[in-house]
C-alpha atoms as a PDB file:
ATOM      1  CA  MET A   1      -0.019   0.523   0.236  1.00  0.00           C
ATOM      2  CA  LYS A   2       2.475   2.293   0.633  1.00  0.00           C
ATOM      3  CA  SER A   3       4.794   1.650  -1.867  1.00  0.00           C
ATOM      4  CA  SER A   4       1.384   2.186  -4.439  1.00  0.00           C
ATOM      5  CA  LYS A   5       0.850   5.354  -2.681  1.00  0.00           C
ATOM      6  CA  LEU A   6       4.683   6.414  -3.119  1.00  0.00           C
ATOM      7  CA  SER A   7       4.931   5.119  -6.814  1.00  0.00           C
ATOM      8  CA  SER A   8       1.768   7.200  -7.447  1.00  0.00           C
ATOM      9  CA  GLN A   9       3.544  10.975  -6.154  1.00  0.00           C
ATOM     10  CA  PHE A  10       6.702  10.009  -7.450  1.00  0.00           C
ATOM     11  CA  ILE A  11       7.079  12.997  -9.948  1.00  0.00           C
ATOM     12  CA  LEU A  12       6.263  15.178  -6.224  1.00  0.00           C
ATOM     13  CA  HIS A  13       9.016  13.475  -4.609  1.00  0.00           C
ATOM     14  CA  VAL A  14      11.594  14.855  -7.935  1.00  0.00           C
ATOM     15  CA  PHE A  15      10.620  18.064  -7.424  1.00  0.00           C
ATOM     16  CA  LEU A  16      10.917  18.390  -3.769  1.00  0.00           C
ATOM     17  CA  LEU A  17      14.288  16.741  -3.750  1.00  0.00           C
ATOM     18  CA  PRO A  18      16.108  19.667  -4.950  1.00  0.00           C
ATOM     19  CA  ALA A  19      14.515  21.481  -1.852  1.00  0.00           C
ATOM     20  CA  VAL A  20      15.323  19.037   0.438  1.00  0.00           C
ATOM     21  CA  VAL A  21      18.879  18.504  -0.567  1.00  0.00           C
ATOM     22  CA  LEU A  22      19.703  22.446  -0.625  1.00  0.00           C
ATOM     23  CA  THR A  23      18.231  22.654   2.666  1.00  0.00           C
ATOM     24  CA  LEU A  24      20.733  20.083   4.020  1.00  0.00           C
ATOM     25  CA  LEU A  25      23.555  21.686   2.331  1.00  0.00           C
ATOM     26  CA  PHE A  26      22.760  25.061   3.257  1.00  0.00           C
ATOM     27  CA  ASN A  27      21.013  24.679   6.849  1.00  0.00           C
ATOM     28  CA  TYR A  28      21.679  21.645   8.121  1.00  0.00           C
ATOM     29  CA  LEU A  29      25.585  20.720   7.175  1.00  0.00           C
ATOM     30  CA  PRO A  30      26.794  23.549   8.111  1.00  0.00           C
ATOM     31  CA  MET A  31      26.045  23.000  12.062  1.00  0.00           C
ATOM     32  CA  PHE A  32      28.603  21.023  12.197  1.00  0.00           C
ATOM     33  CA  SER A  33      31.040  23.695  12.253  1.00  0.00           C
ATOM     34  CA  ASN A  34      29.829  25.057  15.430  1.00  0.00           C
ATOM     35  CA  VAL A  35      32.175  22.948  16.886  1.00  0.00           C
ATOM     36  CA  ILE A  36      34.852  25.989  15.883  1.00  0.00           C
ATOM     37  CA  ALA A  37      33.250  27.833  18.576  1.00  0.00           C
ATOM     38  CA  PHE A  38      35.305  25.324  21.096  1.00  0.00           C
ATOM     39  CA  MET A  39      38.980  25.436  19.202  1.00  0.00           C
ATOM     40  CA  GLU A  40      41.279  27.758  19.072  1.00  0.00           C
ATOM     41  CA  TYR A  41      40.821  27.468  15.400  1.00  0.00           C
ATOM     42  CA  ASP A  42      43.226  27.284  12.113  1.00  0.00           C
ATOM     43  CA  ILE A  43      41.642  26.889   8.736  1.00  0.00           C
ATOM     44  CA  PHE A  44      45.586  25.110   8.192  1.00  0.00           C
ATOM     45  CA  ALA A  45      45.578  22.497  10.673  1.00  0.00           C
ATOM     46  CA  GLY A  46      44.321  19.482   9.135  1.00  0.00           C
ATOM     47  CA  TRP A  47      40.849  18.555   7.416  1.00  0.00           C
ATOM     48  CA  MET A  48      38.022  21.533   7.988  1.00  0.00           C
ATOM     49  CA  GLY A  49      40.545  22.960  10.656  1.00  0.00           C
ATOM     50  CA  LEU A  50      40.043  20.134  12.720  1.00  0.00           C
ATOM     51  CA  GLY A  51      43.281  19.467  13.890  1.00  0.00           C
ATOM     52  CA  SER A  52      42.816  23.051  15.622  1.00  0.00           C
ATOM     53  CA  LYS A  53      43.713  22.988  19.717  1.00  0.00           C
ATOM     54  CA  TRP A  54      40.057  22.926  21.621  1.00  0.00           C
ATOM     55  CA  VAL A  55      40.418  25.220  23.906  1.00  0.00           C
ATOM     56  CA  GLY A  56      36.615  24.116  25.880  1.00  0.00           C
ATOM     57  CA  PHE A  57      33.924  27.585  26.812  1.00  0.00           C
ATOM     58  CA  ASP A  58      37.219  30.593  26.582  1.00  0.00           C
ATOM     59  CA  ASN A  59      35.652  31.905  23.266  1.00  0.00           C
ATOM     60  CA  PHE A  60      32.751  32.092  25.089  1.00  0.00           C
ATOM     61  CA  ALA A  61      34.236  35.140  27.517  1.00  0.00           C
ATOM     62  CA  PHE A  62      32.766  37.785  25.494  1.00  0.00           C
ATOM     63  CA  LEU A  63      29.636  36.751  27.845  1.00  0.00           C
ATOM     64  CA  GLN A  64      31.818  39.067  30.127  1.00  0.00           C
ATOM     65  CA  GLU A  65      31.895  41.444  27.887  1.00  0.00           C
ATOM     66  CA  ASP A  66      29.995  45.244  28.045  1.00  0.00           C
ATOM     67  CA  TRP A  67      30.025  45.400  24.021  1.00  0.00           C
ATOM     68  CA  PHE A  68      27.856  41.766  23.425  1.00  0.00           C
ATOM     69  CA  TYR A  69      25.370  43.048  25.532  1.00  0.00           C
ATOM     70  CA  GLU A  70      25.224  46.615  23.929  1.00  0.00           C
ATOM     71  CA  LEU A  71      25.176  44.652  20.176  1.00  0.00           C
ATOM     72  CA  ALA A  72      22.456  42.105  21.865  1.00  0.00           C
ATOM     73  CA  MET A  73      20.336  45.318  23.169  1.00  0.00           C
ATOM     74  CA  ARG A  74      20.756  47.082  20.161  1.00  0.00           C
ATOM     75  CA  THR A  75      19.766  43.715  18.022  1.00  0.00           C
ATOM     76  CA  LEU A  76      16.771  43.464  19.734  1.00  0.00           C
ATOM     77  CA  PHE A  77      15.502  46.885  19.496  1.00  0.00           C
ATOM     78  CA  TYR A  78      15.944  46.788  15.561  1.00  0.00           C
ATOM     79  CA  SER A  79      14.177  43.928  15.772  1.00  0.00           C
ATOM     80  CA  ALA A  80      11.444  44.708  17.830  1.00  0.00           C
ATOM     81  CA  SER A  81      11.369  48.219  15.816  1.00  0.00           C
ATOM     82  CA  MET A  82      10.507  46.702  12.627  1.00  0.00           C
ATOM     83  CA  LEU A  83       8.353  44.216  14.387  1.00  0.00           C
ATOM     84  CA  LEU A  84       6.454  46.600  15.196  1.00  0.00           C
ATOM     85  CA  PHE A  85       5.724  48.036  12.145  1.00  0.00           C
ATOM     86  CA  SER A  86       6.012  45.596   9.124  1.00  0.00           C
ATOM     87  CA  PHE A  87       3.680  43.412  10.707  1.00  0.00           C
ATOM     88  CA  PRO A  88       0.394  44.905  10.849  1.00  0.00           C
ATOM     89  CA  ALA A  89       1.406  46.317   7.418  1.00  0.00           C
ATOM     90  CA  SER A  90       1.054  43.511   6.161  1.00  0.00           C
ATOM     91  CA  LEU A  91      -2.293  42.761   7.564  1.00  0.00           C
ATOM     92  CA  ILE A  92      -3.807  46.233   7.272  1.00  0.00           C
ATOM     93  CA  LEU A  93      -3.056  45.845   3.353  1.00  0.00           C
ATOM     94  CA  ALA A  94      -4.281  42.339   3.375  1.00  0.00           C
ATOM     95  CA  LEU A  95      -7.357  43.746   4.462  1.00  0.00           C
ATOM     96  CA  LEU A  96      -7.772  46.552   2.440  1.00  0.00           C
ATOM     97  CA  LEU A  97      -6.785  44.441  -1.030  1.00  0.00           C
ATOM     98  CA  ASN A  98      -9.764  42.372   0.740  1.00  0.00           C
ATOM     99  CA  GLU A  99     -12.271  44.903   0.657  1.00  0.00           C
ATOM    100  CA  LEU A 100     -11.805  46.152  -2.947  1.00  0.00           C
ATOM    101  CA  ARG A 101     -15.156  44.973  -5.781  1.00  0.00           C
ATOM    102  CA  ASN A 102     -12.978  46.179  -8.766  1.00  0.00           C
ATOM    103  CA  GLN A 103     -10.977  42.723  -9.156  1.00  0.00           C
ATOM    104  CA  THR A 104      -8.546  44.778 -11.968  1.00  0.00           C
ATOM    105  CA  PHE A 105      -7.731  47.006  -9.647  1.00  0.00           C
ATOM    106  CA  LYS A 106      -7.083  44.627  -7.021  1.00  0.00           C
ATOM    107  CA  LYS A 107      -4.989  42.332  -8.502  1.00  0.00           C
ATOM    108  CA  PHE A 108      -2.455  45.505 -10.291  1.00  0.00           C
ATOM    109  CA  ALA A 109      -2.556  47.124  -6.377  1.00  0.00           C
ATOM    110  CA  GLN A 110      -1.108  43.516  -5.385  1.00  0.00           C
ATOM    111  CA  THR A 111       1.525  42.749  -8.091  1.00  0.00           C
ATOM    112  CA  ILE A 112       3.140  46.590  -7.560  1.00  0.00           C
ATOM    113  CA  SER A 113       2.807  45.634  -3.360  1.00  0.00           C
ATOM    114  CA  TYR A 114       4.718  42.772  -3.541  1.00  0.00           C
ATOM    115  CA  VAL A 115       7.143  42.808  -6.477  1.00  0.00           C
ATOM    116  CA  PRO A 116       9.595  44.842  -4.259  1.00  0.00           C
ATOM    117  CA  HIS A 117      10.039  41.560  -2.342  1.00  0.00           C
ATOM    118  CA  PHE A 118      11.838  40.367  -5.497  1.00  0.00           C
ATOM    119  CA  VAL A 119      14.343  43.128  -5.831  1.00  0.00           C
ATOM    120  CA  SER A 120      17.800  42.375  -3.622  1.00  0.00           C
ATOM    121  CA  TRP A 121      18.669  44.306  -0.212  1.00  0.00           C
ATOM    122  CA  VAL A 122      21.958  45.525  -2.697  1.00  0.00           C
ATOM    123  CA  THR A 123      19.785  47.531  -5.217  1.00  0.00           C
ATOM    124  CA  VAL A 124      17.398  48.856  -2.502  1.00  0.00           C
ATOM    125  CA  ALA A 125      19.947  49.872  -0.774  1.00  0.00           C
ATOM    126  CA  SER A 126      21.945  52.164  -3.957  1.00  0.00           C
ATOM    127  CA  LEU A 127      18.519  53.602  -4.551  1.00  0.00           C
ATOM    128  CA  ILE A 128      18.087  54.546  -0.991  1.00  0.00           C
ATOM    129  CA  TYR A 129      21.551  56.449  -1.047  1.00  0.00           C
ATOM    130  CA  ILE A 130      20.691  58.010  -4.623  1.00  0.00           C
ATOM    131  CA  PHE A 131      17.461  59.305  -2.940  1.00  0.00           C
ATOM    132  CA  LEU A 132      18.948  60.390   0.187  1.00  0.00           C
ATOM    133  CA  SER A 133      21.872  61.985  -0.762  1.00  0.00           C
ATOM    134  CA  VAL A 134      22.938  65.716  -0.701  1.00  0.00           C
ATOM    135  CA  ASP A 135      23.863  66.305  -4.521  1.00  0.00           C
ATOM    136  CA  ILE A 136      21.116  67.027  -7.108  1.00  0.00           C
ATOM    137  CA  SER A 137      20.011  63.640  -7.147  1.00  0.00           C
ATOM    138  CA  GLY A 138      18.511  63.494  -3.740  1.00  0.00           C
ATOM    139  CA  LEU A 139      15.310  63.265  -4.039  1.00  0.00           C
ATOM    140  CA  VAL A 140      14.263  63.101  -0.376  1.00  0.00           C
ATOM    141  CA  ASN A 141      16.917  66.398   0.029  1.00  0.00           C
ATOM    142  CA  ASN A 142      15.398  68.441  -2.868  1.00  0.00           C
ATOM    143  CA  LEU A 143      11.420  68.105  -1.127  1.00  0.00           C
ATOM    144  CA  LYS A 144      13.062  68.934   2.346  1.00  0.00           C
ATOM    145  CA  VAL A 145      14.286  72.226   0.913  1.00  0.00           C
ATOM    146  CA  ALA A 146      12.142  73.405  -1.429  1.00  0.00           C
ATOM    147  CA  LEU A 147       8.841  72.779   0.691  1.00  0.00           C
ATOM    148  CA  PHE A 148      10.921  73.447   4.033  1.00  0.00           C
ATOM    149  CA  GLY A 149      13.934  75.276   3.564  1.00  0.00           C
ATOM    150  CA  GLY A 150      17.428  74.890   5.092  1.00  0.00           C
ATOM    151  CA  GLU A 151      20.407  73.164   4.322  1.00  0.00           C
ATOM    152  CA  ARG A 152      20.671  69.351   3.101  1.00  0.00           C
ATOM    153  CA  ILE A 153      21.577  66.770   5.661  1.00  0.00           C
ATOM    154  CA  LEU A 154      23.358  63.570   5.062  1.00  0.00           C
ATOM    155  CA  TYR A 155      20.706  61.207   5.997  1.00  0.00           C
ATOM    156  CA  MET A 156      23.165  58.011   5.630  1.00  0.00           C
ATOM    157  CA  GLN A 157      25.728  59.550   7.804  1.00  0.00           C
ATOM    158  CA  GLN A 158      24.198  60.317  11.119  1.00  0.00           C
ATOM    159  CA  SER A 159      23.690  56.622  13.465  1.00  0.00           C
ATOM    160  CA  GLU A 160      19.978  58.246  14.542  1.00  0.00           C
ATOM    161  CA  TYR A 161      17.924  58.093  11.040  1.00  0.00           C
ATOM    162  CA  PHE A 162      19.247  54.835  10.309  1.00  0.00           C
ATOM    163  CA  LEU A 163      16.286  52.680  12.492  1.00  0.00           C
ATOM    164  CA  PRO A 164      13.869  55.074  10.399  1.00  0.00           C
ATOM    165  CA  VAL A 165      15.622  54.371   7.084  1.00  0.00           C
ATOM    166  CA  MET A 166      15.429  50.305   8.157  1.00  0.00           C
ATOM    167  CA  ILE A 167      11.866  50.555   8.848  1.00  0.00           C
ATOM    168  CA  ILE A 168      10.764  52.308   5.893  1.00  0.00           C
ATOM    169  CA  SER A 169      12.627  50.193   3.351  1.00  0.00           C
ATOM    170  CA  GLN A 170      11.173  46.911   5.398  1.00  0.00           C
ATOM    171  CA  VAL A 171       7.473  47.725   5.213  1.00  0.00           C
ATOM    172  CA  TRP A 172       8.158  49.550   1.445  1.00  0.00           C
ATOM    173  CA  LYS A 173       9.891  45.838   0.624  1.00  0.00           C
ATOM    174  CA  GLU A 174       8.015  43.686   2.905  1.00  0.00           C
ATOM    175  CA  ILE A 175       4.792  44.649   3.149  1.00  0.00           C
ATOM    176  CA  GLY A 176       3.145  43.181  -0.187  1.00  0.00           C
ATOM    177  CA  TRP A 177       4.205  39.800   0.337  1.00  0.00           C
ATOM    178  CA  GLY A 178       3.212  39.720   3.595  1.00  0.00           C
ATOM    179  CA  SER A 179      -0.265  40.480   2.681  1.00  0.00           C
ATOM    180  CA  ILE A 180      -0.165  37.723   0.153  1.00  0.00           C
ATOM    181  CA  LEU A 181      -0.011  35.170   3.417  1.00  0.00           C
ATOM    182  CA  TYR A 182      -2.778  36.983   4.740  1.00  0.00           C
ATOM    183  CA  LEU A 183      -4.825  37.101   1.209  1.00  0.00           C
ATOM    184  CA  ALA A 184      -4.675  33.267   1.101  1.00  0.00           C
ATOM    185  CA  ALA A 185      -5.705  32.511   4.772  1.00  0.00           C
ATOM    186  CA  ILE A 186      -8.590  34.904   3.972  1.00  0.00           C
ATOM    187  CA  SER A 187     -10.045  32.567   0.842  1.00  0.00           C
ATOM    188  CA  THR A 188     -10.053  30.225   3.502  1.00  0.00           C
ATOM    189  CA  ILE A 189     -12.915  31.069   5.463  1.00  0.00           C
ATOM    190  CA  ASP A 190     -16.319  29.924   4.369  1.00  0.00           C
ATOM    191  CA  PRO A 191     -18.269  32.338   2.575  1.00  0.00           C
ATOM    192  CA  GLN A 192     -21.365  31.463   4.278  1.00  0.00           C
ATOM    193  CA  LEU A 193     -20.338  33.132   7.270  1.00  0.00           C
ATOM    194  CA  TYR A 194     -20.309  36.484   5.437  1.00  0.00           C
ATOM    195  CA  GLU A 195     -23.711  35.470   3.709  1.00  0.00           C
ATOM    196  CA  ALA A 196     -25.180  34.560   6.980  1.00  0.00           C
ATOM    197  CA  ALA A 197     -23.760  37.781   8.461  1.00  0.00           C
ATOM    198  CA  THR A 198     -25.453  39.747   5.344  1.00  0.00           C
ATOM    199  CA  VAL A 199     -28.728  38.519   6.236  1.00  0.00           C
ATOM    200  CA  ASP A 200     -28.516  39.264  10.111  1.00  0.00           C
ATOM    201  CA  GLY A 201     -27.799  43.006   8.674  1.00  0.00           C
ATOM    202  CA  ALA A 202     -24.430  43.032   9.452  1.00  0.00           C
ATOM    203  CA  GLY A 203     -22.382  45.889   7.176  1.00  0.00           C
ATOM    204  CA  ARG A 204     -18.865  44.639   6.173  1.00  0.00           C
ATOM    205  CA  TRP A 205     -16.964  46.361   9.141  1.00  0.00           C
ATOM    206  CA  ARG A 206     -18.623  44.052  11.625  1.00  0.00           C
ATOM    207  CA  GLN A 207     -17.635  41.027   8.981  1.00  0.00           C
ATOM    208  CA  LEU A 208     -14.770  42.382   9.485  1.00  0.00           C
ATOM    209  CA  LEU A 209     -14.276  42.375  13.312  1.00  0.00           C
ATOM    210  CA  HIS A 210     -16.305  39.421  13.549  1.00  0.00           C
ATOM    211  CA  ILE A 211     -15.748  37.110  10.784  1.00  0.00           C
ATOM    212  CA  THR A 212     -12.512  38.256   8.601  1.00  0.00           C
ATOM    213  CA  LEU A 213     -10.129  39.292  12.132  1.00  0.00           C
ATOM    214  CA  PRO A 214     -10.957  35.471  13.698  1.00  0.00           C
ATOM    215  CA  GLY A 215     -10.431  33.663  11.045  1.00  0.00           C
ATOM    216  CA  LEU A 216      -6.956  34.841  10.439  1.00  0.00           C
ATOM    217  CA  VAL A 217      -5.721  34.497  14.252  1.00  0.00           C
ATOM    218  CA  PRO A 218      -4.249  31.006  13.560  1.00  0.00           C
ATOM    219  CA  THR A 219      -2.050  32.329  10.123  1.00  0.00           C
ATOM    220  CA  THR A 220      -1.044  35.535  12.618  1.00  0.00           C
ATOM    221  CA  ILE A 221       0.238  33.194  15.703  1.00  0.00           C
ATOM    222  CA  VAL A 222       2.260  31.077  13.096  1.00  0.00           C
ATOM    223  CA  LEU A 223       3.396  34.291  11.401  1.00  0.00           C
ATOM    224  CA  MET A 224       4.491  36.120  14.936  1.00  0.00           C
ATOM    225  CA  ILE A 225       6.090  32.980  16.605  1.00  0.00           C
ATOM    226  CA  PHE A 226       8.560  32.968  13.435  1.00  0.00           C
ATOM    227  CA  SER A 227       9.087  36.799  13.818  1.00  0.00           C
ATOM    228  CA  LEU A 228      10.152  36.198  17.425  1.00  0.00           C
ATOM    229  CA  GLY A 229      12.108  33.704  16.739  1.00  0.00           C
ATOM    230  CA  GLY A 230      14.460  36.084  14.343  1.00  0.00           C
ATOM    231  CA  LEU A 231      14.479  38.900  16.662  1.00  0.00           C
ATOM    232  CA  PHE A 232      18.106  38.321  18.243  1.00  0.00           C
ATOM    233  CA  SER A 233      18.872  37.255  14.682  1.00  0.00           C
ATOM    234  CA  GLY A 234      18.175  40.928  12.639  1.00  0.00           C
ATOM    235  CA  ASN A 235      18.389  40.956   9.282  1.00  0.00           C
ATOM    236  CA  PHE A 236      21.786  41.345   8.761  1.00  0.00           C
ATOM    237  CA  ASP A 237      21.393  41.574   4.609  1.00  0.00           C
ATOM    238  CA  GLN A 238      19.425  44.345   5.053  1.00  0.00           C
ATOM    239  CA  ILE A 239      21.800  46.245   7.985  1.00  0.00           C
ATOM    240  CA  PHE A 240      24.888  45.312   5.996  1.00  0.00           C
ATOM    241  CA  ASN A 241      24.185  46.564   2.836  1.00  0.00           C
ATOM    242  CA  LEU A 242      22.660  50.125   4.420  1.00  0.00           C
ATOM    243  CA  GLN A 243      25.554  50.352   6.655  1.00  0.00           C
ATOM    244  CA  ASN A 244      28.862  52.481   5.876  1.00  0.00           C
ATOM    245  CA  GLN A 245      32.208  53.402   7.790  1.00  0.00           C
ATOM    246  CA  VAL A 246      31.033  56.544   9.135  1.00  0.00           C
ATOM    247  CA  ILE A 247      28.085  54.780  11.766  1.00  0.00           C
ATOM    248  CA  GLN A 248      29.165  51.259  11.074  1.00  0.00           C
ATOM    249  CA  GLU A 249      30.460  50.638  15.096  1.00  0.00           C
ATOM    250  CA  LYS A 250      26.786  52.445  16.251  1.00  0.00           C
ATOM    251  CA  THR A 251      24.685  50.008  14.007  1.00  0.00           C
ATOM    252  CA  ASN A 252      26.820  47.162  14.336  1.00  0.00           C
ATOM    253  CA  ILE A 253      24.122  44.025  15.140  1.00  0.00           C
ATOM    254  CA  ILE A 254      25.401  40.837  16.398  1.00  0.00           C
ATOM    255  CA  SER A 255      25.052  39.091  12.302  1.00  0.00           C
ATOM    256  CA  THR A 256      26.761  41.843  10.701  1.00  0.00           C
ATOM    257  CA  TYR A 257      29.827  42.374  14.367  1.00  0.00           C
ATOM    258  CA  THR A 258      29.804  38.080  13.457  1.00  0.00           C
ATOM    259  CA  TYR A 259      30.969  38.890  10.007  1.00  0.00           C
ATOM    260  CA  TYR A 260      33.531  41.643  10.436  1.00  0.00           C
ATOM    261  CA  ARG A 261      35.107  39.821  13.037  1.00  0.00           C
ATOM    262  CA  GLY A 262      34.660  36.326  11.845  1.00  0.00           C
ATOM    263  CA  VAL A 263      34.947  36.582   7.943  1.00  0.00           C
ATOM    264  CA  LYS A 264      37.270  40.019   7.262  1.00  0.00           C
ATOM    265  CA  GLY A 265      39.643  39.966  10.570  1.00  0.00           C
ATOM    266  CA  ALA A 266      39.992  35.920  10.445  1.00  0.00           C
ATOM    267  CA  GLU A 267      38.741  35.776  14.062  1.00  0.00           C
ATOM    268  CA  TYR A 268      36.879  32.496  13.340  1.00  0.00           C
ATOM    269  CA  SER A 269      36.496  31.411  16.749  1.00  0.00           C
ATOM    270  CA  ILE A 270      35.495  34.140  18.452  1.00  0.00           C
ATOM    271  CA  ALA A 271      32.718  34.939  15.572  1.00  0.00           C
ATOM    272  CA  THR A 272      31.579  31.520  15.825  1.00  0.00           C
ATOM    273  CA  ALA A 273      30.941  31.448  19.565  1.00  0.00           C
ATOM    274  CA  VAL A 274      28.873  34.532  19.265  1.00  0.00           C
ATOM    275  CA  GLY A 275      26.656  33.323  16.681  1.00  0.00           C
ATOM    276  CA  LEU A 276      25.706  29.761  18.231  1.00  0.00           C
ATOM    277  CA  PHE A 277      24.999  31.522  21.506  1.00  0.00           C
ATOM    278  CA  SER A 278      22.863  34.110  19.148  1.00  0.00           C
ATOM    279  CA  GLY A 279      21.071  30.833  18.110  1.00  0.00           C
ATOM    280  CA  VAL A 280      20.844  29.212  20.958  1.00  0.00           C
ATOM    281  CA  ILE A 281      18.822  32.523  22.145  1.00  0.00           C
ATOM    282  CA  SER A 282      16.730  32.699  18.688  1.00  0.00           C
ATOM    283  CA  PHE A 283      15.900  28.928  19.657  1.00  0.00           C
ATOM    284  CA  ILE A 284      14.687  29.296  23.157  1.00  0.00           C
ATOM    285  CA  LEU A 285      12.806  32.847  21.644  1.00  0.00           C
ATOM    286  CA  LEU A 286      11.176  30.405  19.377  1.00  0.00           C
ATOM    287  CA  LYS A 287      10.153  27.989  21.632  1.00  0.00           C
ATOM    288  CA  ILE A 288       8.518  30.822  24.390  1.00  0.00           C
ATOM    289  CA  ALA A 289       7.006  32.223  21.098  1.00  0.00           C
ATOM    290  CA  ASN A 290       5.354  28.793  20.242  1.00  0.00           C
ATOM    291  CA  PHE A 291       4.448  28.058  23.424  1.00  0.00           C
ATOM    292  CA  THR A 292       2.629  30.769  23.950  1.00  0.00           C
ATOM    293  CA  GLY A 293       1.136  30.923  20.547  1.00  0.00           C
ATOM    294  CA  LYS A 294      -0.451  27.400  21.245  1.00  0.00           C
ATOM    295  CA  LYS A 295      -1.789  28.280  25.208  1.00  0.00           C
ATOM    296  CA  ILE A 296      -3.503  31.470  23.971  1.00  0.00           C
ATOM    297  CA  GLY A 297      -4.651  30.384  20.396  1.00  0.00           C
ATOM    298  CA  ASP A 298      -4.181  26.894  20.271  1.00  0.00           C
ATOM    299  CA  THR A 299      -1.268  27.341  17.284  1.00  0.00           C
ATOM    300  CA  SER A 300       1.717  26.377  16.720  1.00  0.00           C
ATOM    301  CA  ILE A 301       4.259  25.368  14.907  1.00  0.00           C
ATOM    302  CA  ILE A 302       5.035  21.812  16.329  1.00  0.00           C
END
């Protein structure tokens, strides 16, 4: 029975195979390299450096350093700030799109909103630097001077503007993609519920409050679990591409720090130890979020 079922779904397993292989190669296989955190790692010491000297937990001495806790707090602050703005933005856009009755305009608006998701952060960061520049191509400074006067501002060379730029660019880039998940969840809600509500005299606003939003609770909880699990990791691609040498020290998070110290500084052991510790914290946050979601909405990912 199992054999016949497997043969009938053989083509589906073939299509699934590349995803499984890539996941094993780029997500699970690199986990074995975490042993570097317990070594005085030498890349030339035998196969994959496994002949390096073992030093136990010596590389975790950063837990006694102030700079690590500064990085940790900044990472959490950046992640929480972006989550606070980007998470509800996708939900609100999905609800607005769902209320549109003109299907042509709805499809056009949905397409325009999620296209930025496919644009790389390298391209987005380049556009941001152009728009925020102080020369004639700086659209933001041009509008500021034209409307309010004053001097042009070096936005990307002042760390206090970094977080607002991150939030705006994150919302612009991912709001449409996130809304797709909510729209898919809305499509699974039984249409008879809306028909019954209409017969009972409920308007679109009350239908939204009592049918649509409750129907989105499981999807919202699952997305929130993943988001909370990633609070301690931050968005490396975004921050790395938006940074520059002027503000790098004041805008580093844990993931960018491990890159600069590990890859560029060749301090592989320390960087791996920092990355391993942050990974453990992310796992703990994921488990807490999953447990909370199961208790509150009877929804979890495990």
